[in-house]
Amino acid sequence: MHGDIQVGGGVERPIGVGGGRLASMERSALRVLTPRELEVFGVLPDGEGNRELARRLGIAERTVKAHLTSITRKLGLRSRVEAALLSAEWSDELRAGPKGLDKP
């Protein structure tokens, strides 16, 4: 069980590079996000809370929460943590703009 996470009596595998359902997701899946959702998604790996993200992006904290809910729903993610891990993994493509999302 090295590297596994014990959750509620079951074992879940950590997410990230090298395996799992996120590793098989194609970057083109991000095309379902609006430009503002992509902007929020792109800053998630920085580890800031909703209040800090709102200040940084010049939007209300409530709007950040709404974008995060929409991002996780559209991408079929389970949590903000999964979104942040995926965003960190795809950070180069996100910085490249829409053309960077065409990579598999």
C-alpha atoms as a PDB file:
ATOM      1  CA  MET A   1       0.000   0.000   0.000  1.00  0.00           C
ATOM      2  CA  HIS A   2       2.963   2.324  -0.411  1.00  0.00           C
ATOM      3  CA  GLY A   3       1.777   5.647  -1.851  1.00  0.00           C
ATOM      4  CA  ASP A   4      -1.921   4.797  -1.482  1.00  0.00           C
ATOM      5  CA  ILE A   5      -4.369   6.874   0.502  1.00  0.00           C
ATOM      6  CA  GLN A   6      -6.687   5.244   3.026  1.00  0.00           C
ATOM      7  CA  VAL A   7     -10.161   6.791   2.745  1.00  0.00           C
ATOM      8  CA  GLY A   8     -13.200   5.600   4.678  1.00  0.00           C
ATOM      9  CA  GLY A   9     -12.097   1.980   4.848  1.00  0.00           C
ATOM     10  CA  GLY A  10     -11.152   1.868   1.155  1.00  0.00           C
ATOM     11  CA  VAL A  11      -7.978   2.660  -0.699  1.00  0.00           C
ATOM     12  CA  GLU A  12      -7.735   5.343  -3.352  1.00  0.00           C
ATOM     13  CA  ARG A  13      -4.785   5.776  -5.645  1.00  0.00           C
ATOM     14  CA  PRO A  14      -3.219   9.224  -5.706  1.00  0.00           C
ATOM     15  CA  ILE A  15      -3.856  11.327  -8.786  1.00  0.00           C
ATOM     16  CA  GLY A  16      -1.104  12.753 -10.906  1.00  0.00           C
ATOM     17  CA  VAL A  17       1.365  12.128 -13.623  1.00  0.00           C
ATOM     18  CA  GLY A  18       1.856   8.529 -14.570  1.00  0.00           C
ATOM     19  CA  GLY A  19      -1.557   6.978 -14.266  1.00  0.00           C
ATOM     20  CA  GLY A  20      -5.152   7.168 -13.210  1.00  0.00           C
ATOM     21  CA  ARG A  21      -8.166   8.547 -14.974  1.00  0.00           C
ATOM     22  CA  LEU A  22      -6.740  12.085 -15.166  1.00  0.00           C
ATOM     23  CA  ALA A  23      -3.672  10.896 -17.030  1.00  0.00           C
ATOM     24  CA  SER A  24      -5.889   9.556 -19.806  1.00  0.00           C
ATOM     25  CA  MET A  25      -7.870  12.809 -20.191  1.00  0.00           C
ATOM     26  CA  GLU A  26      -7.027  14.668 -23.376  1.00  0.00           C
ATOM     27  CA  ARG A  27      -6.114  18.330 -23.211  1.00  0.00           C
ATOM     28  CA  SER A  28      -8.702  19.082 -25.886  1.00  0.00           C
ATOM     29  CA  ALA A  29     -11.308  18.406 -23.157  1.00  0.00           C
ATOM     30  CA  LEU A  30     -10.519  21.919 -21.914  1.00  0.00           C
ATOM     31  CA  ARG A  31     -12.245  23.345 -24.991  1.00  0.00           C
ATOM     32  CA  VAL A  32     -15.563  23.027 -23.122  1.00  0.00           C
ATOM     33  CA  LEU A  33     -14.421  25.718 -20.678  1.00  0.00           C
ATOM     34  CA  THR A  34     -15.162  29.400 -21.199  1.00  0.00           C
ATOM     35  CA  PRO A  35     -12.202  31.803 -21.462  1.00  0.00           C
ATOM     36  CA  ARG A  36     -12.791  32.964 -17.867  1.00  0.00           C
ATOM     37  CA  GLU A  37     -13.016  29.364 -16.603  1.00  0.00           C
ATOM     38  CA  LEU A  38      -9.710  28.654 -18.359  1.00  0.00           C
ATOM     39  CA  GLU A  39      -8.207  31.673 -16.619  1.00  0.00           C
ATOM     40  CA  VAL A  40      -9.369  30.407 -13.213  1.00  0.00           C
ATOM     41  CA  PHE A  41      -8.261  26.846 -14.083  1.00  0.00           C
ATOM     42  CA  GLY A  42      -4.827  28.149 -15.069  1.00  0.00           C
ATOM     43  CA  VAL A  43      -4.108  29.765 -11.689  1.00  0.00           C
ATOM     44  CA  LEU A  44      -5.292  26.860  -9.510  1.00  0.00           C
ATOM     45  CA  PRO A  45      -1.830  25.276  -9.076  1.00  0.00           C
ATOM     46  CA  ASP A  46      -0.638  28.419  -7.283  1.00  0.00           C
ATOM     47  CA  GLY A  47      -2.478  27.173  -4.191  1.00  0.00           C
ATOM     48  CA  GLU A  48      -4.351  30.368  -3.418  1.00  0.00           C
ATOM     49  CA  GLY A  49      -7.735  30.304  -1.742  1.00  0.00           C
ATOM     50  CA  ASN A  50     -10.899  31.605  -3.362  1.00  0.00           C
ATOM     51  CA  ARG A  51     -10.541  35.060  -1.801  1.00  0.00           C
ATOM     52  CA  GLU A  52      -6.996  35.468  -3.126  1.00  0.00           C
ATOM     53  CA  LEU A  53      -7.967  34.148  -6.560  1.00  0.00           C
ATOM     54  CA  ALA A  54     -10.859  36.616  -6.670  1.00  0.00           C
ATOM     55  CA  ARG A  55      -8.589  39.548  -5.864  1.00  0.00           C
ATOM     56  CA  ARG A  56      -5.976  38.406  -8.349  1.00  0.00           C
ATOM     57  CA  LEU A  57      -8.527  37.986 -11.161  1.00  0.00           C
ATOM     58  CA  GLY A  58     -10.612  41.050 -10.275  1.00  0.00           C
ATOM     59  CA  ILE A  59     -13.824  39.085  -9.714  1.00  0.00           C
ATOM     60  CA  ALA A  60     -16.025  38.291  -6.719  1.00  0.00           C
ATOM     61  CA  GLU A  61     -15.180  35.336  -4.479  1.00  0.00           C
ATOM     62  CA  ARG A  62     -18.632  33.956  -5.220  1.00  0.00           C
ATOM     63  CA  THR A  63     -17.803  34.051  -8.937  1.00  0.00           C
ATOM     64  CA  VAL A  64     -14.592  32.078  -8.324  1.00  0.00           C
ATOM     65  CA  LYS A  65     -16.644  29.422  -6.525  1.00  0.00           C
ATOM     66  CA  ALA A  66     -19.128  29.316  -9.408  1.00  0.00           C
ATOM     67  CA  HIS A  67     -16.300  28.913 -11.955  1.00  0.00           C
ATOM     68  CA  LEU A  68     -14.682  26.123  -9.916  1.00  0.00           C
ATOM     69  CA  THR A  69     -17.991  24.287  -9.680  1.00  0.00           C
ATOM     70  CA  SER A  70     -18.496  24.625 -13.418  1.00  0.00           C
ATOM     71  CA  ILE A  71     -14.912  23.515 -14.201  1.00  0.00           C
ATOM     72  CA  THR A  72     -15.126  20.380 -12.074  1.00  0.00           C
ATOM     73  CA  ARG A  73     -18.558  19.510 -13.492  1.00  0.00           C
ATOM     74  CA  LYS A  74     -17.607  20.071 -17.135  1.00  0.00           C
ATOM     75  CA  LEU A  75     -14.382  18.068 -16.829  1.00  0.00           C
ATOM     76  CA  GLY A  76     -15.938  15.310 -14.731  1.00  0.00           C
ATOM     77  CA  LEU A  77     -13.585  15.935 -11.825  1.00  0.00           C
ATOM     78  CA  ARG A  78     -14.315  15.052  -8.216  1.00  0.00           C
ATOM     79  CA  SER A  79     -12.743  18.030  -6.485  1.00  0.00           C
ATOM     80  CA  ARG A  80     -10.823  21.265  -6.660  1.00  0.00           C
ATOM     81  CA  VAL A  81      -7.701  19.248  -5.809  1.00  0.00           C
ATOM     82  CA  GLU A  82      -8.106  17.161  -8.968  1.00  0.00           C
ATOM     83  CA  ALA A  83      -8.614  20.366 -10.956  1.00  0.00           C
ATOM     84  CA  ALA A  84      -5.447  21.891  -9.472  1.00  0.00           C
ATOM     85  CA  LEU A  85      -3.398  18.755 -10.197  1.00  0.00           C
ATOM     86  CA  LEU A  86      -4.657  18.617 -13.769  1.00  0.00           C
ATOM     87  CA  SER A  87      -4.001  22.315 -14.234  1.00  0.00           C
ATOM     88  CA  ALA A  88      -0.440  21.918 -12.932  1.00  0.00           C
ATOM     89  CA  GLU A  89       0.152  19.001 -15.301  1.00  0.00           C
ATOM     90  CA  TRP A  90      -1.118  21.020 -18.271  1.00  0.00           C
ATOM     91  CA  SER A  91       0.358  24.393 -17.288  1.00  0.00           C
ATOM     92  CA  ASP A  92       2.549  24.694 -20.406  1.00  0.00           C
ATOM     93  CA  GLU A  93      -0.411  24.088 -22.711  1.00  0.00           C
ATOM     94  CA  LEU A  94      -2.591  26.512 -20.779  1.00  0.00           C
ATOM     95  CA  ARG A  95       0.050  29.225 -21.150  1.00  0.00           C
ATOM     96  CA  ALA A  96       0.263  28.504 -24.902  1.00  0.00           C
ATOM     97  CA  GLY A  97      -3.404  29.455 -25.282  1.00  0.00           C
ATOM     98  CA  PRO A  98      -6.025  27.703 -27.422  1.00  0.00           C
ATOM     99  CA  LYS A  99      -3.457  26.106 -29.756  1.00  0.00           C
ATOM    100  CA  GLY A 100      -1.839  24.356 -26.784  1.00  0.00           C
ATOM    101  CA  LEU A 101      -5.106  22.568 -26.050  1.00  0.00           C
ATOM    102  CA  ASP A 102      -4.918  20.551 -29.275  1.00  0.00           C
ATOM    103  CA  LYS A 103      -2.194  18.254 -27.917  1.00  0.00           C
ATOM    104  CA  PRO A 104      -3.372  14.778 -26.865  1.00  0.00           C
END
